[in-house]
Amino acid sequence: MTKILMVCTANICRSPMATTVATTMAKVAGLARKIQFDSAGTHAPSVGQKADARAIASLVQRGYTPGRNRSRRIEPRDFKDFDLLLAMDIDNLSALKKTCPIEHAHKLRLFLSFSPALDVTEVADPYFGDLAGFERVLDLCEAGARGLIHHYTTP
């Protein structure tokens, strides 16, 4: 089984959204037993916090069933336990690189690196914006997850 960790800052907006979308797409593609997703934050201030209500509303509006994940901070064991750690933006990737043991550095990537045709490389943090920002994040999560699923289904 391949284990993939989605990583943002507080683990209440982008990474839970990406995890929900990727998990759903993996199920549809018949990969539910082959790929497992989880999420964490580089600076999650409130461990155990529910996902942002706007993130949940955006997911539900598009027909996704949000997971029951609670926020958590990235832990040293995550670098060993996960096969791939996907950062939502450059700052998250930099934070991961600072704490990642050298032998696991090859596991770190930007989430949107799986969707090179996009005109952006980062999923911007929507927290201080409006619902439209969450819709944009969901668009990017769908594009990134499609590319990720394609990566695992293409020989």
Protein backbone atom coordinates (compact mmCIF):
# COMPACT_ATOMS: atom_id res chain seq x y z
CA MET A 1 0.00 0.00 0.00
CA THR A 2 1.23 3.49 -0.88
CA LYS A 3 0.73 6.04 1.89
CA ILE A 4 0.50 9.72 0.92
CA LEU A 5 0.44 12.65 3.35
CA MET A 6 -1.05 15.97 2.24
CA VAL A 7 0.56 18.89 4.09
CA CYS A 8 -0.51 22.52 4.52
CA THR A 9 0.02 25.01 7.33
CA ALA A 10 -2.71 24.48 9.94
CA ASN A 11 -4.27 21.30 8.55
CA ILE A 12 -7.78 22.75 8.54
CA CYS A 13 -8.27 23.94 4.94
CA ARG A 14 -6.12 22.78 2.03
CA SER A 15 -4.71 19.44 3.16
CA PRO A 16 -8.05 18.07 4.43
CA MET A 17 -9.67 19.16 1.16
CA ALA A 18 -6.92 17.53 -0.90
CA THR A 19 -7.17 14.36 1.18
CA THR A 20 -10.94 14.15 0.69
CA VAL A 21 -10.71 14.71 -3.06
CA ALA A 22 -7.81 12.29 -3.56
CA THR A 23 -9.44 9.59 -1.43
CA THR A 24 -12.66 9.90 -3.43
CA MET A 25 -10.85 9.78 -6.77
CA ALA A 26 -8.78 6.79 -5.66
CA LYS A 27 -11.98 4.91 -4.77
CA VAL A 28 -13.53 5.71 -8.14
CA ALA A 29 -10.34 4.54 -9.89
CA GLY A 30 -10.36 1.27 -7.93
CA LEU A 31 -7.25 2.22 -5.95
CA ALA A 32 -8.79 2.40 -2.48
CA ARG A 33 -6.82 -0.67 -1.34
CA LYS A 34 -3.62 0.52 -2.99
CA ILE A 35 -3.35 4.17 -1.90
CA GLN A 36 -4.07 5.62 1.53
CA PHE A 37 -4.23 9.36 2.21
CA ASP A 38 -3.85 11.42 5.37
CA SER A 39 -3.11 15.05 6.17
CA ALA A 40 -1.06 17.14 8.58
CA GLY A 41 0.06 20.71 9.11
CA THR A 42 3.52 22.19 9.38
CA HIS A 43 2.36 24.63 12.07
CA ALA A 44 -1.02 23.28 13.22
CA PRO A 45 -1.70 25.53 16.22
CA SER A 46 -4.81 23.71 17.45
CA VAL A 47 -4.32 19.98 17.34
CA GLY A 48 -7.66 18.19 17.08
CA GLN A 49 -9.48 21.06 15.38
CA LYS A 50 -12.15 20.25 12.79
CA ALA A 51 -11.71 21.35 9.19
CA ASP A 52 -12.75 24.93 8.41
CA ALA A 53 -16.52 25.18 7.85
CA ARG A 54 -15.94 26.85 4.47
CA ALA A 55 -13.76 23.94 3.36
CA ILE A 56 -16.44 21.48 4.38
CA ALA A 57 -19.17 23.53 2.66
CA SER A 58 -17.18 23.66 -0.60
CA LEU A 59 -16.58 19.92 -0.54
CA VAL A 60 -20.22 19.07 0.23
CA GLN A 61 -21.48 21.45 -2.46
CA ARG A 62 -19.49 19.47 -5.04
CA GLY A 63 -20.69 16.13 -3.77
CA TYR A 64 -17.72 15.05 -1.64
CA THR A 65 -18.10 13.49 1.77
CA PRO A 66 -15.52 15.15 4.02
CA GLY A 67 -13.52 12.87 6.27
CA ARG A 68 -13.65 13.15 10.03
CA ASN A 69 -10.03 14.13 10.25
CA ARG A 70 -8.86 16.41 13.04
CA SER A 71 -5.90 18.72 12.62
CA ARG A 72 -2.52 17.49 13.62
CA ARG A 73 1.05 18.66 13.28
CA ILE A 74 3.58 16.81 11.17
CA GLU A 75 5.59 14.41 13.31
CA PRO A 76 9.09 12.99 12.82
CA ARG A 77 7.69 9.51 12.22
CA ASP A 78 5.63 10.79 9.26
CA PHE A 79 8.78 11.01 7.14
CA LYS A 80 9.37 7.30 7.67
CA ASP A 81 5.75 6.13 7.64
CA PHE A 82 4.63 7.85 4.42
CA ASP A 83 5.84 7.11 0.90
CA LEU A 84 5.10 10.62 -0.33
CA LEU A 85 4.59 13.94 1.48
CA LEU A 86 2.88 16.52 -0.72
CA ALA A 87 3.13 20.17 0.29
CA MET A 88 0.47 22.65 -0.74
CA ASP A 89 2.91 25.53 -1.22
CA ILE A 90 6.59 26.45 -1.24
CA ASP A 91 6.54 27.56 2.42
CA ASN A 92 5.13 24.19 3.47
CA LEU A 93 7.72 22.39 1.36
CA SER A 94 10.52 24.47 2.91
CA ALA A 95 9.26 23.69 6.41
CA LEU A 96 9.21 19.99 5.57
CA LYS A 97 12.73 20.11 4.15
CA LYS A 98 14.03 21.69 7.38
CA THR A 99 12.86 18.76 9.51
CA CYS A 100 13.01 15.84 7.08
CA PRO A 101 15.80 13.32 7.61
CA ILE A 102 18.06 13.24 4.53
CA GLU A 103 17.17 9.62 3.76
CA HIS A 104 13.53 10.62 3.24
CA ALA A 105 14.05 13.88 1.34
CA HIS A 106 13.14 12.18 -1.96
CA LYS A 107 9.57 11.80 -0.65
CA LEU A 108 8.90 15.57 -0.56
CA ARG A 109 7.09 17.27 -3.46
CA LEU A 110 4.61 19.98 -4.20
CA PHE A 111 1.10 18.57 -4.62
CA LEU A 112 0.53 20.41 -7.89
CA SER A 113 3.70 18.91 -9.39
CA PHE A 114 1.32 16.14 -10.44
CA SER A 115 -0.55 18.64 -12.63
CA PRO A 116 2.18 20.33 -14.65
CA ALA A 117 -0.28 21.73 -17.22
CA LEU A 118 -1.68 24.15 -14.62
CA ASP A 119 -0.54 27.75 -14.65
CA VAL A 120 0.21 27.58 -10.91
CA THR A 121 2.49 25.44 -8.77
CA GLU A 122 0.99 26.16 -5.36
CA VAL A 123 -2.39 25.84 -3.67
CA ALA A 124 -2.78 29.23 -1.97
CA ASP A 125 -4.11 29.37 1.59
CA PRO A 126 -7.76 30.50 1.47
CA TYR A 127 -8.14 30.98 5.23
CA PHE A 128 -8.26 34.79 5.28
CA GLY A 129 -10.42 35.03 2.16
CA ASP A 130 -13.98 34.33 1.17
CA LEU A 131 -15.79 31.24 -0.09
CA ALA A 132 -14.52 31.88 -3.63
CA GLY A 133 -11.00 31.18 -2.39
CA PHE A 134 -12.11 27.79 -1.11
CA GLU A 135 -13.73 27.04 -4.46
CA ARG A 136 -10.40 27.85 -6.17
CA VAL A 137 -8.59 25.56 -3.73
CA LEU A 138 -11.06 22.80 -4.53
CA ASP A 139 -10.47 23.29 -8.27
CA LEU A 140 -6.73 22.93 -7.68
CA CYS A 141 -7.20 19.93 -5.39
CA GLU A 142 -9.22 18.20 -8.08
CA ALA A 143 -6.54 18.91 -10.70
CA GLY A 144 -3.73 17.74 -8.40
CA ALA A 145 -5.61 14.61 -7.37
CA ARG A 146 -6.44 13.74 -10.98
CA GLY A 147 -2.75 13.98 -11.85
CA LEU A 148 -1.78 11.94 -8.80
CA ILE A 149 -4.30 9.20 -9.59
CA HIS A 150 -3.15 9.19 -13.22
CA HIS A 151 0.43 8.74 -12.00
CA TYR A 152 -0.59 5.62 -10.08
CA THR A 153 -2.73 4.15 -12.86
CA THR A 154 -0.32 4.68 -15.75
CA PRO A 155 2.15 1.85 -16.31
